[in-house]
Amino acid sequence: MVTGRRTSRAALKTLRKAAKERGFVVGQPTKGSGKSLGKGSHEAWALYDNSGRELARSLFPQHPGDMTWYVTRSIEEAFEEHLGKGRLDK
């Protein structure tokens, strides 16, 4: 479980590393028009398996500075079924 705060960029970097170790890919999901999904200043990032099937998704804030513990934990919860518990703490 996440015990501290992280920046959005650091959390995404850790997520990509954990996904790569398990043979998954992290990418931005898109609409049919090719536009990235997100809302306002938040970007959507998803975990994909080798066949391109989406396994999990979460929004990452693009604000400067650290995310709160609660936001960091909610991102981790979205991916922990496939990557394991505590992956954003490593």
N, C-alpha and C. Protein backbone atom coordinates (compact mmCIF):
# COMPACT_ATOMS: atom_id res chain seq x y z
N MET A 1 0.83 -1.17 0.00
CA MET A 1 0.00 0.00 0.00
C MET A 1 0.89 1.24 0.00
N VAL A 2 0.46 2.25 -0.69
CA VAL A 2 1.19 3.50 -0.77
C VAL A 2 1.27 4.12 0.63
N THR A 3 2.47 4.54 1.01
CA THR A 3 2.63 5.14 2.32
C THR A 3 3.01 6.61 2.25
N GLY A 4 3.25 7.12 1.07
CA GLY A 4 3.65 8.52 0.95
C GLY A 4 3.04 9.18 -0.26
N ARG A 5 3.45 10.41 -0.46
CA ARG A 5 2.95 11.19 -1.60
C ARG A 5 3.94 11.08 -2.75
N ARG A 6 3.44 11.21 -3.96
CA ARG A 6 4.27 11.17 -5.16
C ARG A 6 3.76 12.19 -6.15
N THR A 7 4.61 12.54 -7.09
CA THR A 7 4.14 13.36 -8.20
C THR A 7 3.46 12.43 -9.20
N SER A 8 2.65 12.99 -10.03
CA SER A 8 1.97 12.21 -11.06
C SER A 8 2.99 11.57 -12.00
N ARG A 9 4.01 12.32 -12.34
CA ARG A 9 5.04 11.82 -13.24
C ARG A 9 5.79 10.63 -12.64
N ALA A 10 6.11 10.72 -11.34
CA ALA A 10 6.82 9.62 -10.66
C ALA A 10 5.93 8.38 -10.58
N ALA A 11 4.65 8.57 -10.31
CA ALA A 11 3.73 7.44 -10.23
C ALA A 11 3.60 6.76 -11.59
N LEU A 12 3.52 7.53 -12.65
CA LEU A 12 3.41 6.96 -14.00
C LEU A 12 4.69 6.22 -14.37
N LYS A 13 5.84 6.75 -14.01
CA LYS A 13 7.12 6.09 -14.29
C LYS A 13 7.20 4.74 -13.57
N THR A 14 6.77 4.72 -12.31
CA THR A 14 6.77 3.48 -11.54
C THR A 14 5.79 2.47 -12.13
N LEU A 15 4.62 2.96 -12.56
CA LEU A 15 3.62 2.09 -13.18
C LEU A 15 4.16 1.46 -14.46
N ARG A 16 4.81 2.25 -15.28
CA ARG A 16 5.38 1.72 -16.53
C ARG A 16 6.44 0.65 -16.26
N LYS A 17 7.27 0.89 -15.26
CA LYS A 17 8.32 -0.06 -14.91
C LYS A 17 7.71 -1.38 -14.42
N ALA A 18 6.71 -1.30 -13.55
CA ALA A 18 6.05 -2.50 -13.03
C ALA A 18 5.35 -3.27 -14.14
N ALA A 19 4.73 -2.54 -15.06
CA ALA A 19 4.04 -3.18 -16.18
C ALA A 19 5.03 -3.90 -17.09
N LYS A 20 6.14 -3.27 -17.36
CA LYS A 20 7.15 -3.86 -18.23
C LYS A 20 7.72 -5.15 -17.63
N GLU A 21 7.93 -5.15 -16.31
CA GLU A 21 8.43 -6.33 -15.62
C GLU A 21 7.49 -7.53 -15.76
N ARG A 22 6.20 -7.26 -15.93
CA ARG A 22 5.20 -8.32 -16.03
C ARG A 22 4.70 -8.56 -17.46
N GLY A 23 5.31 -7.90 -18.42
CA GLY A 23 4.95 -8.11 -19.81
C GLY A 23 3.73 -7.34 -20.28
N PHE A 24 3.33 -6.31 -19.54
CA PHE A 24 2.21 -5.47 -19.93
C PHE A 24 2.72 -4.16 -20.52
N VAL A 25 1.81 -3.38 -21.09
CA VAL A 25 2.14 -2.09 -21.67
C VAL A 25 1.21 -1.04 -21.08
N VAL A 26 1.74 0.15 -20.82
CA VAL A 26 0.94 1.28 -20.34
C VAL A 26 0.82 2.28 -21.47
N GLY A 27 -0.41 2.73 -21.74
CA GLY A 27 -0.63 3.71 -22.80
C GLY A 27 -1.87 4.53 -22.53
N GLN A 28 -2.07 5.54 -23.34
CA GLN A 28 -3.25 6.38 -23.19
C GLN A 28 -4.38 5.83 -24.05
N PRO A 29 -5.52 5.53 -23.43
CA PRO A 29 -6.66 5.07 -24.21
C PRO A 29 -7.21 6.23 -25.06
N THR A 30 -7.76 5.91 -26.20
CA THR A 30 -8.28 6.94 -27.10
C THR A 30 -9.72 6.66 -27.47
N LYS A 31 -10.39 7.72 -27.87
CA LYS A 31 -11.74 7.60 -28.41
C LYS A 31 -11.63 7.10 -29.85
N GLY A 32 -12.75 6.83 -30.47
CA GLY A 32 -12.75 6.38 -31.85
C GLY A 32 -12.10 7.38 -32.79
N SER A 33 -12.13 8.66 -32.43
CA SER A 33 -11.55 9.71 -33.27
C SER A 33 -10.04 9.81 -33.11
N GLY A 34 -9.48 9.05 -32.16
CA GLY A 34 -8.04 9.08 -31.93
C GLY A 34 -7.62 10.07 -30.86
N LYS A 35 -8.59 10.80 -30.29
CA LYS A 35 -8.28 11.77 -29.25
C LYS A 35 -8.12 11.06 -27.90
N SER A 36 -7.11 11.47 -27.13
CA SER A 36 -6.86 10.87 -25.82
C SER A 36 -8.00 11.16 -24.87
N LEU A 37 -8.26 10.20 -23.98
CA LEU A 37 -9.29 10.38 -22.98
C LEU A 37 -8.72 11.12 -21.78
N GLY A 38 -9.56 11.79 -21.08
CA GLY A 38 -9.18 12.53 -19.88
C GLY A 38 -10.27 13.52 -19.56
N LYS A 39 -10.08 14.25 -18.48
CA LYS A 39 -11.07 15.25 -18.12
C LYS A 39 -10.33 16.45 -17.53
N GLY A 40 -10.45 17.57 -18.19
CA GLY A 40 -9.78 18.76 -17.71
C GLY A 40 -8.27 18.57 -17.68
N SER A 41 -7.70 18.77 -16.50
CA SER A 41 -6.25 18.65 -16.37
C SER A 41 -5.84 17.26 -15.90
N HIS A 42 -6.65 16.26 -16.19
CA HIS A 42 -6.33 14.88 -15.84
C HIS A 42 -6.23 14.04 -17.11
N GLU A 43 -5.18 13.22 -17.19
CA GLU A 43 -4.98 12.34 -18.34
C GLU A 43 -5.29 10.91 -17.95
N ALA A 44 -5.94 10.19 -18.84
CA ALA A 44 -6.22 8.78 -18.60
C ALA A 44 -5.04 7.94 -19.08
N TRP A 45 -4.66 6.95 -18.27
CA TRP A 45 -3.62 5.98 -18.62
C TRP A 45 -4.16 4.61 -18.34
N ALA A 46 -3.87 3.66 -19.22
CA ALA A 46 -4.43 2.31 -19.08
C ALA A 46 -3.32 1.26 -19.18
N LEU A 47 -3.62 0.10 -18.64
CA LEU A 47 -2.73 -1.06 -18.68
C LEU A 47 -3.28 -2.03 -19.72
N TYR A 48 -2.43 -2.45 -20.65
CA TYR A 48 -2.84 -3.36 -21.72
C TYR A 48 -2.03 -4.64 -21.67
N ASP A 49 -2.67 -5.75 -22.04
CA ASP A 49 -1.93 -7.01 -22.14
C ASP A 49 -1.28 -7.12 -23.51
N ASN A 50 -0.65 -8.25 -23.80
CA ASN A 50 0.07 -8.43 -25.07
C ASN A 50 -0.83 -8.35 -26.29
N SER A 51 -2.10 -8.70 -26.13
CA SER A 51 -3.02 -8.67 -27.28
C SER A 51 -3.69 -7.32 -27.45
N GLY A 52 -3.35 -6.35 -26.59
CA GLY A 52 -3.92 -5.02 -26.72
C GLY A 52 -5.22 -4.82 -25.96
N ARG A 53 -5.61 -5.80 -25.15
CA ARG A 53 -6.85 -5.70 -24.38
C ARG A 53 -6.59 -4.85 -23.13
N GLU A 54 -7.48 -3.90 -22.87
CA GLU A 54 -7.33 -3.03 -21.71
C GLU A 54 -7.69 -3.80 -20.44
N LEU A 55 -6.78 -3.76 -19.46
CA LEU A 55 -6.98 -4.47 -18.21
C LEU A 55 -7.41 -3.54 -17.08
N ALA A 56 -6.89 -2.32 -17.04
CA ALA A 56 -7.20 -1.36 -15.99
C ALA A 56 -6.95 0.05 -16.50
N ARG A 57 -7.58 1.03 -15.83
CA ARG A 57 -7.44 2.42 -16.26
C ARG A 57 -7.57 3.34 -15.06
N SER A 58 -6.88 4.48 -15.11
CA SER A 58 -7.00 5.49 -14.06
C SER A 58 -6.66 6.86 -14.64
N LEU A 59 -7.11 7.89 -13.95
CA LEU A 59 -6.79 9.26 -14.33
C LEU A 59 -5.62 9.76 -13.50
N PHE A 60 -4.68 10.43 -14.14
CA PHE A 60 -3.52 11.01 -13.47
C PHE A 60 -3.62 12.53 -13.57
N PRO A 61 -3.57 13.23 -12.43
CA PRO A 61 -3.63 14.70 -12.47
C PRO A 61 -2.36 15.26 -13.10
N GLN A 62 -2.49 16.37 -13.79
CA GLN A 62 -1.34 17.00 -14.43
C GLN A 62 -0.96 18.29 -13.72
N HIS A 63 -1.36 18.42 -12.46
CA HIS A 63 -1.01 19.59 -11.66
C HIS A 63 0.43 19.46 -11.17
N PRO A 64 1.13 20.56 -10.98
CA PRO A 64 2.49 20.48 -10.43
C PRO A 64 2.46 20.07 -8.96
N GLY A 65 3.52 19.44 -8.51
CA GLY A 65 3.63 19.06 -7.11
C GLY A 65 3.13 17.65 -6.84
N ASP A 66 3.19 17.28 -5.58
CA ASP A 66 2.80 15.93 -5.16
C ASP A 66 1.29 15.76 -5.15
N MET A 67 0.87 14.54 -5.46
CA MET A 67 -0.54 14.18 -5.30
C MET A 67 -0.75 13.84 -3.83
N THR A 68 -1.97 13.94 -3.36
CA THR A 68 -2.24 13.54 -1.99
C THR A 68 -2.12 12.03 -1.86
N TRP A 69 -1.99 11.55 -0.64
CA TRP A 69 -1.91 10.11 -0.40
C TRP A 69 -3.14 9.42 -0.95
N TYR A 70 -4.30 10.02 -0.77
CA TYR A 70 -5.55 9.41 -1.22
C TYR A 70 -5.58 9.23 -2.74
N VAL A 71 -5.15 10.22 -3.48
CA VAL A 71 -5.12 10.13 -4.95
C VAL A 71 -4.12 9.08 -5.40
N THR A 72 -2.95 9.09 -4.77
CA THR A 72 -1.93 8.10 -5.11
C THR A 72 -2.45 6.68 -4.86
N ARG A 73 -3.12 6.49 -3.74
CA ARG A 73 -3.67 5.18 -3.39
C ARG A 73 -4.77 4.76 -4.36
N SER A 74 -5.61 5.68 -4.78
CA SER A 74 -6.68 5.31 -5.71
C SER A 74 -6.12 4.88 -7.07
N ILE A 75 -5.02 5.50 -7.48
CA ILE A 75 -4.36 5.08 -8.73
C ILE A 75 -3.79 3.68 -8.56
N GLU A 76 -3.13 3.44 -7.44
CA GLU A 76 -2.56 2.12 -7.18
C GLU A 76 -3.65 1.05 -7.14
N GLU A 77 -4.78 1.34 -6.52
CA GLU A 77 -5.88 0.37 -6.43
C GLU A 77 -6.40 -0.03 -7.81
N ALA A 78 -6.37 0.90 -8.74
CA ALA A 78 -6.87 0.61 -10.09
C ALA A 78 -6.03 -0.46 -10.79
N PHE A 79 -4.74 -0.52 -10.47
CA PHE A 79 -3.83 -1.42 -11.17
C PHE A 79 -3.36 -2.61 -10.35
N GLU A 80 -3.64 -2.64 -9.05
CA GLU A 80 -3.04 -3.67 -8.19
C GLU A 80 -3.54 -5.08 -8.48
N GLU A 81 -4.70 -5.25 -9.05
CA GLU A 81 -5.17 -6.59 -9.40
C GLU A 81 -4.23 -7.27 -10.39
N HIS A 82 -3.64 -6.49 -11.28
CA HIS A 82 -2.77 -7.05 -12.32
C HIS A 82 -1.29 -6.93 -12.01
N LEU A 83 -0.90 -5.93 -11.21
CA LEU A 83 0.51 -5.69 -10.95
C LEU A 83 0.94 -6.07 -9.54
N GLY A 84 0.00 -6.25 -8.65
CA GLY A 84 0.33 -6.58 -7.26
C GLY A 84 0.21 -5.36 -6.35
N LYS A 85 0.02 -5.64 -5.10
CA LYS A 85 -0.17 -4.59 -4.11
C LYS A 85 1.14 -3.87 -3.83
N GLY A 86 1.07 -2.57 -3.64
CA GLY A 86 2.24 -1.79 -3.26
C GLY A 86 3.19 -1.43 -4.39
N ARG A 87 2.77 -1.52 -5.63
CA ARG A 87 3.69 -1.28 -6.76
C ARG A 87 4.12 0.17 -6.88
N LEU A 88 3.32 1.13 -6.43
CA LEU A 88 3.72 2.54 -6.55
C LEU A 88 4.67 2.96 -5.44
N ASP A 89 4.90 2.09 -4.46
CA ASP A 89 5.85 2.39 -3.40
C ASP A 89 7.27 1.97 -3.75
N LYS A 90 7.44 1.22 -4.80
CA LYS A 90 8.76 0.68 -5.12
C LYS A 90 9.55 1.61 -5.99
